[in-house]
């Protein structure tokens, strides 16, 4: 009996193409993207890494624990957070990117929705642009990705779309990504450089978050790999009864395992060690499923030959 093994919607060479000629193999295992917020007000760790030394030290610790990517942000995206200027965002993140590019071999991601910050970050050494507004706030982000060859994460969001959002959570994903991918295509972004993110925690109800997890495999119809950002989000607190964000790592690890089994590829997290273990278990199950499928297929072929 063949067992479903979702999540093979990866480029033909099995790799996500990112900046400076780098790529990330998506065939054998999932990967962790560690969160480094160089901010005073992020919902979980605001103020802990808001200077260059602290941010660099934290990033290096995450790399040692198993993170393949470091995602560096200079503006909080929590609901109600005060926006920062372009200049302040760049003042916070660029020195961190420069230091990490010089001192580590990790892939570096800039968490921004501004084309100007994306361009400056790639020049400083970033390989990936992670746009949490999915090219809706500043479409020039796509142009930067196309011109520099940086990897591009396009995240779904419900923010600012309340009047046009569809009632079906998966249908709304398709509508949003169709428009965002059209922007990326028009700018000339290579599809091999694109990663999608369903946007857990961005203007979705607890019920919608659960539906999004339960029906995640439907998103593979988009034929692109997926990044997941559930880490310590409010809906995990609602599901587990954990009010404090830092107490939600076990719940986060559960979503990592579930969504890896459903075919997601990269997981953006605060606690690398806990999610590394969850990912290891999920990858072992996926490998066992693949072996079972291969054995079942070989058995079926042998039976067919014997019958003929």
C-alpha atoms as a PDB file:
ATOM      1  CA  UNK A   1       0.000   0.000   0.000  1.00  0.00           C
ATOM      2  CA  UNK A   2       1.447   3.359  -1.047  1.00  0.00           C
ATOM      3  CA  UNK A   3       1.493   6.057   1.649  1.00  0.00           C
ATOM      4  CA  UNK A   4       1.041   9.716   0.761  1.00  0.00           C
ATOM      5  CA  UNK A   5       4.265  11.725   1.050  1.00  0.00           C
ATOM      6  CA  UNK A   6       3.383  15.403   0.540  1.00  0.00           C
ATOM      7  CA  UNK A   7       5.757  18.243  -0.009  1.00  0.00           C
ATOM      8  CA  UNK A   8       7.597  17.381  -3.213  1.00  0.00           C
ATOM      9  CA  UNK A   9       6.794  20.760  -4.764  1.00  0.00           C
ATOM     10  CA  UNK A  10      10.417  21.779  -4.998  1.00  0.00           C
ATOM     11  CA  UNK A  11      12.528  22.955  -7.945  1.00  0.00           C
ATOM     12  CA  UNK A  12      13.639  20.251 -10.371  1.00  0.00           C
ATOM     13  CA  UNK A  13      17.157  20.299  -8.944  1.00  0.00           C
ATOM     14  CA  UNK A  14      15.753  19.993  -5.401  1.00  0.00           C
ATOM     15  CA  UNK A  15      17.254  23.274  -4.229  1.00  0.00           C
ATOM     16  CA  UNK A  16      16.054  26.730  -3.248  1.00  0.00           C
ATOM     17  CA  UNK A  17      18.189  29.263  -5.097  1.00  0.00           C
ATOM     18  CA  UNK A  18      19.278  32.176  -2.915  1.00  0.00           C
ATOM     19  CA  UNK A  19      21.786  35.003  -3.180  1.00  0.00           C
ATOM     20  CA  UNK A  20      25.491  34.980  -4.000  1.00  0.00           C
ATOM     21  CA  UNK A  21      25.198  31.698  -5.859  1.00  0.00           C
ATOM     22  CA  UNK A  22      24.081  29.789  -2.776  1.00  0.00           C
ATOM     23  CA  UNK A  23      21.304  27.217  -2.609  1.00  0.00           C
ATOM     24  CA  UNK A  24      19.576  25.145   0.055  1.00  0.00           C
ATOM     25  CA  UNK A  25      18.813  21.466  -0.554  1.00  0.00           C
ATOM     26  CA  UNK A  26      15.124  20.766   0.087  1.00  0.00           C
ATOM     27  CA  UNK A  27      15.080  17.066  -0.726  1.00  0.00           C
ATOM     28  CA  UNK A  28      16.331  15.193   2.328  1.00  0.00           C
ATOM     29  CA  UNK A  29      15.273  17.187   5.369  1.00  0.00           C
ATOM     30  CA  UNK A  30      13.547  20.276   6.664  1.00  0.00           C
ATOM     31  CA  UNK A  31      15.509  23.332   7.759  1.00  0.00           C
ATOM     32  CA  UNK A  32      15.314  25.871  10.570  1.00  0.00           C
ATOM     33  CA  UNK A  33      15.352  29.638  10.183  1.00  0.00           C
ATOM     34  CA  UNK A  34      16.270  31.295  13.487  1.00  0.00           C
ATOM     35  CA  UNK A  35      14.640  34.592  14.441  1.00  0.00           C
ATOM     36  CA  UNK A  36      16.932  37.469  15.403  1.00  0.00           C
ATOM     37  CA  UNK A  37      14.873  40.556  16.212  1.00  0.00           C
ATOM     38  CA  UNK A  38      17.061  43.639  16.527  1.00  0.00           C
ATOM     39  CA  UNK A  39      14.121  45.474  18.080  1.00  0.00           C
ATOM     40  CA  UNK A  40      13.021  46.770  21.486  1.00  0.00           C
ATOM     41  CA  UNK A  41       9.383  45.741  21.064  1.00  0.00           C
ATOM     42  CA  UNK A  42       8.937  42.365  19.303  1.00  0.00           C
ATOM     43  CA  UNK A  43       6.194  40.275  20.902  1.00  0.00           C
ATOM     44  CA  UNK A  44       8.408  37.482  22.254  1.00  0.00           C
ATOM     45  CA  UNK A  45      12.010  38.630  22.571  1.00  0.00           C
ATOM     46  CA  UNK A  46      11.890  42.400  22.086  1.00  0.00           C
ATOM     47  CA  UNK A  47      14.846  44.121  23.739  1.00  0.00           C
ATOM     48  CA  UNK A  48      16.926  40.975  24.241  1.00  0.00           C
ATOM     49  CA  UNK A  49      18.983  41.364  21.061  1.00  0.00           C
ATOM     50  CA  UNK A  50      18.528  45.019  20.175  1.00  0.00           C
ATOM     51  CA  UNK A  51      22.198  45.880  19.900  1.00  0.00           C
ATOM     52  CA  UNK A  52      24.767  44.518  17.463  1.00  0.00           C
ATOM     53  CA  UNK A  53      26.795  42.473  19.937  1.00  0.00           C
ATOM     54  CA  UNK A  54      23.772  40.759  21.476  1.00  0.00           C
ATOM     55  CA  UNK A  55      22.193  40.059  18.087  1.00  0.00           C
ATOM     56  CA  UNK A  56      25.371  38.575  16.625  1.00  0.00           C
ATOM     57  CA  UNK A  57      25.977  36.430  19.718  1.00  0.00           C
ATOM     58  CA  UNK A  58      22.412  35.123  19.615  1.00  0.00           C
ATOM     59  CA  UNK A  59      22.649  34.352  15.899  1.00  0.00           C
ATOM     60  CA  UNK A  60      25.867  32.397  16.408  1.00  0.00           C
ATOM     61  CA  UNK A  61      24.253  30.410  19.230  1.00  0.00           C
ATOM     62  CA  UNK A  62      21.332  29.565  16.929  1.00  0.00           C
ATOM     63  CA  UNK A  63      23.727  28.413  14.205  1.00  0.00           C
ATOM     64  CA  UNK A  64      25.501  26.175  16.715  1.00  0.00           C
ATOM     65  CA  UNK A  65      22.142  24.634  17.647  1.00  0.00           C
ATOM     66  CA  UNK A  66      21.338  23.784  14.040  1.00  0.00           C
ATOM     67  CA  UNK A  67      19.819  26.801  12.280  1.00  0.00           C
ATOM     68  CA  UNK A  68      20.585  26.922   8.548  1.00  0.00           C
ATOM     69  CA  UNK A  69      19.221  30.446   8.117  1.00  0.00           C
ATOM     70  CA  UNK A  70      19.290  33.544  10.322  1.00  0.00           C
ATOM     71  CA  UNK A  71      16.338  35.902   9.782  1.00  0.00           C
ATOM     72  CA  UNK A  72      17.214  39.426  10.895  1.00  0.00           C
ATOM     73  CA  UNK A  73      14.507  42.024  11.431  1.00  0.00           C
ATOM     74  CA  UNK A  74      14.562  45.635  12.540  1.00  0.00           C
ATOM     75  CA  UNK A  75      10.838  46.378  12.879  1.00  0.00           C
ATOM     76  CA  UNK A  76       8.326  44.531  15.016  1.00  0.00           C
ATOM     77  CA  UNK A  77       5.355  43.048  13.147  1.00  0.00           C
ATOM     78  CA  UNK A  78       3.280  42.372  16.265  1.00  0.00           C
ATOM     79  CA  UNK A  79      -0.236  43.870  16.208  1.00  0.00           C
ATOM     80  CA  UNK A  80      -0.153  47.471  17.384  1.00  0.00           C
ATOM     81  CA  UNK A  81       3.610  47.882  17.110  1.00  0.00           C
ATOM     82  CA  UNK A  82       4.886  51.350  16.286  1.00  0.00           C
ATOM     83  CA  UNK A  83       6.332  51.571  12.763  1.00  0.00           C
ATOM     84  CA  UNK A  84       9.950  52.616  12.391  1.00  0.00           C
ATOM     85  CA  UNK A  85      11.549  54.698   9.683  1.00  0.00           C
ATOM     86  CA  UNK A  86      13.517  53.218   6.837  1.00  0.00           C
ATOM     87  CA  UNK A  87      16.680  54.787   8.226  1.00  0.00           C
ATOM     88  CA  UNK A  88      16.129  53.355  11.720  1.00  0.00           C
ATOM     89  CA  UNK A  89      15.363  49.899  10.350  1.00  0.00           C
ATOM     90  CA  UNK A  90      18.603  49.902   8.392  1.00  0.00           C
ATOM     91  CA  UNK A  91      20.588  51.295  11.330  1.00  0.00           C
ATOM     92  CA  UNK A  92      19.481  48.288  13.370  1.00  0.00           C
ATOM     93  CA  UNK A  93      19.957  45.457  10.876  1.00  0.00           C
ATOM     94  CA  UNK A  94      22.809  46.306   8.518  1.00  0.00           C
ATOM     95  CA  UNK A  95      25.682  46.087  11.044  1.00  0.00           C
ATOM     96  CA  UNK A  96      24.360  42.701  12.215  1.00  0.00           C
ATOM     97  CA  UNK A  97      24.190  41.362   8.663  1.00  0.00           C
ATOM     98  CA  UNK A  98      27.681  42.640   7.888  1.00  0.00           C
ATOM     99  CA  UNK A  99      29.163  40.978  10.977  1.00  0.00           C
ATOM    100  CA  UNK A 100      27.423  37.665  10.384  1.00  0.00           C
ATOM    101  CA  UNK A 101      28.350  37.634   6.707  1.00  0.00           C
ATOM    102  CA  UNK A 102      32.000  38.103   7.667  1.00  0.00           C
ATOM    103  CA  UNK A 103      32.048  35.671  10.587  1.00  0.00           C
ATOM    104  CA  UNK A 104      29.702  32.787   9.633  1.00  0.00           C
ATOM    105  CA  UNK A 105      28.703  30.613   6.684  1.00  0.00           C
ATOM    106  CA  UNK A 106      24.991  30.703   7.517  1.00  0.00           C
ATOM    107  CA  UNK A 107      22.428  31.882   5.032  1.00  0.00           C
ATOM    108  CA  UNK A 108      21.203  35.334   6.067  1.00  0.00           C
ATOM    109  CA  UNK A 109      17.670  36.649   5.585  1.00  0.00           C
ATOM    110  CA  UNK A 110      16.399  40.198   5.912  1.00  0.00           C
ATOM    111  CA  UNK A 111      12.887  40.493   7.346  1.00  0.00           C
ATOM    112  CA  UNK A 112      11.545  43.603   5.636  1.00  0.00           C
ATOM    113  CA  UNK A 113       8.799  44.873   3.367  1.00  0.00           C
ATOM    114  CA  UNK A 114      10.849  47.806   2.050  1.00  0.00           C
ATOM    115  CA  UNK A 115      12.686  47.549  -1.247  1.00  0.00           C
ATOM    116  CA  UNK A 116      15.371  50.011  -0.129  1.00  0.00           C
ATOM    117  CA  UNK A 117      16.154  48.023   3.017  1.00  0.00           C
ATOM    118  CA  UNK A 118      16.138  44.771   1.059  1.00  0.00           C
ATOM    119  CA  UNK A 119      18.663  46.156  -1.418  1.00  0.00           C
ATOM    120  CA  UNK A 120      20.933  47.515   1.328  1.00  0.00           C
ATOM    121  CA  UNK A 121      20.730  44.215   3.223  1.00  0.00           C
ATOM    122  CA  UNK A 122      21.677  42.131   0.192  1.00  0.00           C
ATOM    123  CA  UNK A 123      24.613  44.459  -0.429  1.00  0.00           C
ATOM    124  CA  UNK A 124      25.643  43.928   3.217  1.00  0.00           C
ATOM    125  CA  UNK A 125      25.594  40.153   2.786  1.00  0.00           C
ATOM    126  CA  UNK A 126      21.996  38.891   3.027  1.00  0.00           C
ATOM    127  CA  UNK A 127      21.008  35.998   0.758  1.00  0.00           C
ATOM    128  CA  UNK A 128      17.226  36.054   1.260  1.00  0.00           C
ATOM    129  CA  UNK A 129      14.480  38.682   1.417  1.00  0.00           C
ATOM    130  CA  UNK A 130      11.574  37.761   3.718  1.00  0.00           C
ATOM    131  CA  UNK A 131       8.601  40.015   2.940  1.00  0.00           C
ATOM    132  CA  UNK A 132       5.814  39.604   5.508  1.00  0.00           C
ATOM    133  CA  UNK A 133       3.472  41.718   3.382  1.00  0.00           C
ATOM    134  CA  UNK A 134       3.900  39.488   0.363  1.00  0.00           C
ATOM    135  CA  UNK A 135       4.866  42.261  -2.090  1.00  0.00           C
ATOM    136  CA  UNK A 136       1.717  44.265  -1.283  1.00  0.00           C
ATOM    137  CA  UNK A 137       3.330  47.157   0.617  1.00  0.00           C
ATOM    138  CA  UNK A 138       6.297  47.734  -1.684  1.00  0.00           C
ATOM    139  CA  UNK A 139       6.337  45.715  -4.915  1.00  0.00           C
ATOM    140  CA  UNK A 140       9.892  46.942  -5.597  1.00  0.00           C
ATOM    141  CA  UNK A 141      11.036  44.157  -3.243  1.00  0.00           C
ATOM    142  CA  UNK A 142      10.441  41.785  -6.168  1.00  0.00           C
ATOM    143  CA  UNK A 143      12.642  43.922  -8.410  1.00  0.00           C
ATOM    144  CA  UNK A 144      15.438  43.786  -5.840  1.00  0.00           C
ATOM    145  CA  UNK A 145      15.171  39.991  -5.666  1.00  0.00           C
ATOM    146  CA  UNK A 146      15.238  39.693  -9.447  1.00  0.00           C
ATOM    147  CA  UNK A 147      18.220  42.011  -9.880  1.00  0.00           C
ATOM    148  CA  UNK A 148      20.321  40.557  -7.046  1.00  0.00           C
ATOM    149  CA  UNK A 149      19.369  36.878  -7.316  1.00  0.00           C
ATOM    150  CA  UNK A 150      18.330  36.809  -3.663  1.00  0.00           C
ATOM    151  CA  UNK A 151      15.892  34.200  -2.444  1.00  0.00           C
ATOM    152  CA  UNK A 152      12.408  35.620  -1.909  1.00  0.00           C
ATOM    153  CA  UNK A 153       9.927  34.585   0.803  1.00  0.00           C
ATOM    154  CA  UNK A 154       6.410  35.765  -0.027  1.00  0.00           C
ATOM    155  CA  UNK A 155       4.093  35.663   2.986  1.00  0.00           C
ATOM    156  CA  UNK A 156       0.302  35.662   2.948  1.00  0.00           C
ATOM    157  CA  UNK A 157      -1.295  38.252   5.197  1.00  0.00           C
ATOM    158  CA  UNK A 158      -4.817  39.286   6.097  1.00  0.00           C
ATOM    159  CA  UNK A 159      -3.723  42.698   7.350  1.00  0.00           C
ATOM    160  CA  UNK A 160      -5.142  45.534   5.303  1.00  0.00           C
ATOM    161  CA  UNK A 161      -7.248  43.073   3.305  1.00  0.00           C
ATOM    162  CA  UNK A 162     -10.183  42.698   5.671  1.00  0.00           C
ATOM    163  CA  UNK A 163     -12.695  43.936   3.089  1.00  0.00           C
ATOM    164  CA  UNK A 164     -11.569  41.525   0.363  1.00  0.00           C
ATOM    165  CA  UNK A 165     -10.600  38.393   2.292  1.00  0.00           C
ATOM    166  CA  UNK A 166     -12.460  35.238   1.334  1.00  0.00           C
ATOM    167  CA  UNK A 167     -14.285  33.191   3.938  1.00  0.00           C
ATOM    168  CA  UNK A 168     -12.433  30.002   3.012  1.00  0.00           C
ATOM    169  CA  UNK A 169      -8.899  30.165   4.414  1.00  0.00           C
ATOM    170  CA  UNK A 170      -7.335  28.086   1.625  1.00  0.00           C
ATOM    171  CA  UNK A 171      -9.173  29.890  -1.166  1.00  0.00           C
ATOM    172  CA  UNK A 172      -7.863  33.193   0.209  1.00  0.00           C
ATOM    173  CA  UNK A 173      -4.317  31.806   0.112  1.00  0.00           C
ATOM    174  CA  UNK A 174      -4.676  30.988  -3.571  1.00  0.00           C
ATOM    175  CA  UNK A 175      -6.088  34.407  -4.451  1.00  0.00           C
ATOM    176  CA  UNK A 176      -3.364  36.227  -2.514  1.00  0.00           C
ATOM    177  CA  UNK A 177      -0.492  34.176  -3.923  1.00  0.00           C
ATOM    178  CA  UNK A 178      -1.796  34.391  -7.475  1.00  0.00           C
ATOM    179  CA  UNK A 179      -1.507  38.188  -7.275  1.00  0.00           C
ATOM    180  CA  UNK A 180       1.848  38.157  -5.474  1.00  0.00           C
ATOM    181  CA  UNK A 181       3.370  35.678  -7.907  1.00  0.00           C
ATOM    182  CA  UNK A 182       2.183  37.810 -10.801  1.00  0.00           C
ATOM    183  CA  UNK A 183       4.147  40.714  -9.307  1.00  0.00           C
ATOM    184  CA  UNK A 184       7.219  38.504  -8.871  1.00  0.00           C
ATOM    185  CA  UNK A 185       6.940  37.134 -12.400  1.00  0.00           C
ATOM    186  CA  UNK A 186       6.574  40.613 -13.884  1.00  0.00           C
ATOM    187  CA  UNK A 187       9.744  41.685 -12.067  1.00  0.00           C
ATOM    188  CA  UNK A 188      11.629  38.686 -13.433  1.00  0.00           C
ATOM    189  CA  UNK A 189      12.099  36.712 -10.212  1.00  0.00           C
ATOM    190  CA  UNK A 190      13.195  33.143 -10.941  1.00  0.00           C
ATOM    191  CA  UNK A 191      10.579  30.714  -9.608  1.00  0.00           C
ATOM    192  CA  UNK A 192      13.459  28.615  -8.207  1.00  0.00           C
ATOM    193  CA  UNK A 193      14.196  31.531  -5.840  1.00  0.00           C
ATOM    194  CA  UNK A 194      10.671  31.736  -4.405  1.00  0.00           C
ATOM    195  CA  UNK A 195       9.465  30.345  -1.080  1.00  0.00           C
ATOM    196  CA  UNK A 196       5.870  30.840   0.089  1.00  0.00           C
ATOM    197  CA  UNK A 197       4.656  31.374   3.669  1.00  0.00           C
ATOM    198  CA  UNK A 198       0.964  30.899   4.608  1.00  0.00           C
ATOM    199  CA  UNK A 199       1.247  33.639   7.232  1.00  0.00           C
ATOM    200  CA  UNK A 200       0.239  32.029  10.503  1.00  0.00           C
ATOM    201  CA  UNK A 201      -0.626  34.726  13.030  1.00  0.00           C
ATOM    202  CA  UNK A 202      -1.243  37.515  10.538  1.00  0.00           C
ATOM    203  CA  UNK A 203      -4.899  38.541  10.836  1.00  0.00           C
ATOM    204  CA  UNK A 204      -6.305  35.044  11.143  1.00  0.00           C
ATOM    205  CA  UNK A 205      -8.634  33.650  13.800  1.00  0.00           C
ATOM    206  CA  UNK A 206      -7.759  30.660  15.964  1.00  0.00           C
ATOM    207  CA  UNK A 207     -10.198  28.571  13.916  1.00  0.00           C
ATOM    208  CA  UNK A 208      -8.583  29.719  10.664  1.00  0.00           C
ATOM    209  CA  UNK A 209      -5.128  28.843  11.988  1.00  0.00           C
ATOM    210  CA  UNK A 210      -6.311  25.320  12.835  1.00  0.00           C
ATOM    211  CA  UNK A 211      -7.979  24.972   9.438  1.00  0.00           C
ATOM    212  CA  UNK A 212      -4.809  26.149   7.732  1.00  0.00           C
ATOM    213  CA  UNK A 213      -2.817  23.421   9.473  1.00  0.00           C
ATOM    214  CA  UNK A 214      -5.453  20.751   8.850  1.00  0.00           C
ATOM    215  CA  UNK A 215      -5.717  21.579   5.146  1.00  0.00           C
ATOM    216  CA  UNK A 216      -2.120  22.575   4.533  1.00  0.00           C
ATOM    217  CA  UNK A 217      -1.513  19.882   1.891  1.00  0.00           C
ATOM    218  CA  UNK A 218      -4.004  21.626  -0.398  1.00  0.00           C
ATOM    219  CA  UNK A 219      -1.459  24.422  -0.808  1.00  0.00           C
ATOM    220  CA  UNK A 220       0.890  22.099  -2.675  1.00  0.00           C
ATOM    221  CA  UNK A 221      -1.242  22.817  -5.739  1.00  0.00           C
ATOM    222  CA  UNK A 222       0.797  26.042  -5.949  1.00  0.00           C
ATOM    223  CA  UNK A 223       3.865  23.916  -6.820  1.00  0.00           C
ATOM    224  CA  UNK A 224       6.269  25.908  -4.662  1.00  0.00           C
ATOM    225  CA  UNK A 225       8.047  25.138  -1.369  1.00  0.00           C
ATOM    226  CA  UNK A 226       6.785  26.530   1.946  1.00  0.00           C
ATOM    227  CA  UNK A 227       8.215  28.311   4.963  1.00  0.00           C
ATOM    228  CA  UNK A 228       6.267  28.125   8.238  1.00  0.00           C
ATOM    229  CA  UNK A 229       6.209  30.813  10.935  1.00  0.00           C
ATOM    230  CA  UNK A 230       4.115  29.558  13.856  1.00  0.00           C
ATOM    231  CA  UNK A 231       6.713  30.166  16.542  1.00  0.00           C
ATOM    232  CA  UNK A 232       5.212  31.332  19.855  1.00  0.00           C
ATOM    233  CA  UNK A 233       2.244  32.871  18.048  1.00  0.00           C
ATOM    234  CA  UNK A 234      -0.882  33.858  19.942  1.00  0.00           C
ATOM    235  CA  UNK A 235      -2.971  31.058  18.453  1.00  0.00           C
ATOM    236  CA  UNK A 236      -0.603  28.489  19.970  1.00  0.00           C
ATOM    237  CA  UNK A 237      -1.184  30.143  23.323  1.00  0.00           C
ATOM    238  CA  UNK A 238      -4.944  29.916  22.749  1.00  0.00           C
ATOM    239  CA  UNK A 239      -4.721  26.231  21.833  1.00  0.00           C
ATOM    240  CA  UNK A 240      -2.455  25.296  24.745  1.00  0.00           C
ATOM    241  CA  UNK A 241      -3.486  27.759  27.445  1.00  0.00           C
ATOM    242  CA  UNK A 242       0.016  29.257  27.538  1.00  0.00           C
ATOM    243  CA  UNK A 243      -0.355  33.015  27.988  1.00  0.00           C
ATOM    244  CA  UNK A 244       3.350  33.912  27.955  1.00  0.00           C
ATOM    245  CA  UNK A 245       4.989  33.732  24.524  1.00  0.00           C
ATOM    246  CA  UNK A 246       8.166  32.137  25.887  1.00  0.00           C
ATOM    247  CA  UNK A 247       6.126  29.210  27.215  1.00  0.00           C
ATOM    248  CA  UNK A 248       4.869  28.230  23.757  1.00  0.00           C
ATOM    249  CA  UNK A 249       7.926  26.368  22.466  1.00  0.00           C
ATOM    250  CA  UNK A 250       6.442  22.898  22.998  1.00  0.00           C
ATOM    251  CA  UNK A 251       3.321  23.899  21.107  1.00  0.00           C
ATOM    252  CA  UNK A 252       5.502  25.401  18.389  1.00  0.00           C
ATOM    253  CA  UNK A 253       7.509  22.180  18.090  1.00  0.00           C
ATOM    254  CA  UNK A 254       4.263  20.251  17.679  1.00  0.00           C
ATOM    255  CA  UNK A 255       3.301  22.436  14.717  1.00  0.00           C
ATOM    256  CA  UNK A 256       6.775  21.984  13.243  1.00  0.00           C
ATOM    257  CA  UNK A 257       6.413  18.208  13.295  1.00  0.00           C
ATOM    258  CA  UNK A 258       2.840  18.278  11.973  1.00  0.00           C
ATOM    259  CA  UNK A 259       3.581  20.655   9.131  1.00  0.00           C
ATOM    260  CA  UNK A 260       6.824  18.937   8.161  1.00  0.00           C
ATOM    261  CA  UNK A 261       4.833  15.724   7.812  1.00  0.00           C
ATOM    262  CA  UNK A 262       2.372  17.720   5.693  1.00  0.00           C
ATOM    263  CA  UNK A 263       5.202  18.773   3.389  1.00  0.00           C
ATOM    264  CA  UNK A 264       6.514  22.156   4.579  1.00  0.00           C
ATOM    265  CA  UNK A 265      10.239  22.765   4.142  1.00  0.00           C
ATOM    266  CA  UNK A 266      11.548  25.602   6.348  1.00  0.00           C
ATOM    267  CA  UNK A 267      10.505  26.590   9.871  1.00  0.00           C
ATOM    268  CA  UNK A 268      11.082  30.072  11.292  1.00  0.00           C
ATOM    269  CA  UNK A 269      11.543  29.672  15.069  1.00  0.00           C
ATOM    270  CA  UNK A 270      12.750  31.266  18.280  1.00  0.00           C
ATOM    271  CA  UNK A 271      13.869  28.054  20.018  1.00  0.00           C
ATOM    272  CA  UNK A 272      16.139  26.215  17.599  1.00  0.00           C
ATOM    273  CA  UNK A 273      16.985  23.229  19.802  1.00  0.00           C
ATOM    274  CA  UNK A 274      13.383  22.237  20.532  1.00  0.00           C
ATOM    275  CA  UNK A 275      12.346  22.521  16.904  1.00  0.00           C
ATOM    276  CA  UNK A 276      15.470  20.726  15.690  1.00  0.00           C
ATOM    277  CA  UNK A 277      14.366  17.691  17.707  1.00  0.00           C
ATOM    278  CA  UNK A 278      10.787  17.894  16.415  1.00  0.00           C
ATOM    279  CA  UNK A 279      12.052  18.214  12.863  1.00  0.00           C
ATOM    280  CA  UNK A 280      14.364  15.231  13.328  1.00  0.00           C
ATOM    281  CA  UNK A 281      11.447  13.012  14.360  1.00  0.00           C
ATOM    282  CA  UNK A 282       9.272  14.218  11.487  1.00  0.00           C
ATOM    283  CA  UNK A 283      12.051  13.714   8.946  1.00  0.00           C
ATOM    284  CA  UNK A 284      12.594  10.160  10.212  1.00  0.00           C
ATOM    285  CA  UNK A 285       8.902   9.415   9.699  1.00  0.00           C
ATOM    286  CA  UNK A 286       9.017  10.917   6.199  1.00  0.00           C
ATOM    287  CA  UNK A 287      12.042   8.765   5.356  1.00  0.00           C
ATOM    288  CA  UNK A 288      10.246   5.670   6.658  1.00  0.00           C
ATOM    289  CA  UNK A 289       7.215   6.521   4.530  1.00  0.00           C
ATOM    290  CA  UNK A 290       9.425   6.918   1.464  1.00  0.00           C
ATOM    291  CA  UNK A 291      10.992   3.509   2.110  1.00  0.00           C
ATOM    292  CA  UNK A 292       7.569   1.935   2.574  1.00  0.00           C
ATOM    293  CA  UNK A 293       6.414   3.474  -0.704  1.00  0.00           C
ATOM    294  CA  UNK A 294       9.496   2.191  -2.540  1.00  0.00           C
ATOM    295  CA  UNK A 295       9.036  -1.314  -1.119  1.00  0.00           C
ATOM    296  CA  UNK A 296       5.325  -1.348  -1.954  1.00  0.00           C
ATOM    297  CA  UNK A 297       6.040  -0.189  -5.494  1.00  0.00           C
ATOM    298  CA  UNK A 298       8.756  -2.827  -5.983  1.00  0.00           C
ATOM    299  CA  UNK A 299       6.413  -5.513  -4.643  1.00  0.00           C
ATOM    300  CA  UNK A 300       3.612  -4.399  -6.943  1.00  0.00           C
ATOM    301  CA  UNK A 301       5.959  -4.438  -9.966  1.00  0.00           C
ATOM    302  CA  UNK A 302       7.228  -7.921  -9.055  1.00  0.00           C
ATOM    303  CA  UNK A 303       3.680  -9.218  -8.731  1.00  0.00           C
ATOM    304  CA  UNK A 304       2.769  -7.716 -12.106  1.00  0.00           C
ATOM    305  CA  UNK A 305       5.756  -9.369 -13.767  1.00  0.00           C
ATOM    306  CA  UNK A 306       4.958 -12.709 -12.197  1.00  0.00           C
ATOM    307  CA  UNK A 307       1.361 -12.432 -13.336  1.00  0.00           C
ATOM    308  CA  UNK A 308       2.384 -11.682 -16.891  1.00  0.00           C
END
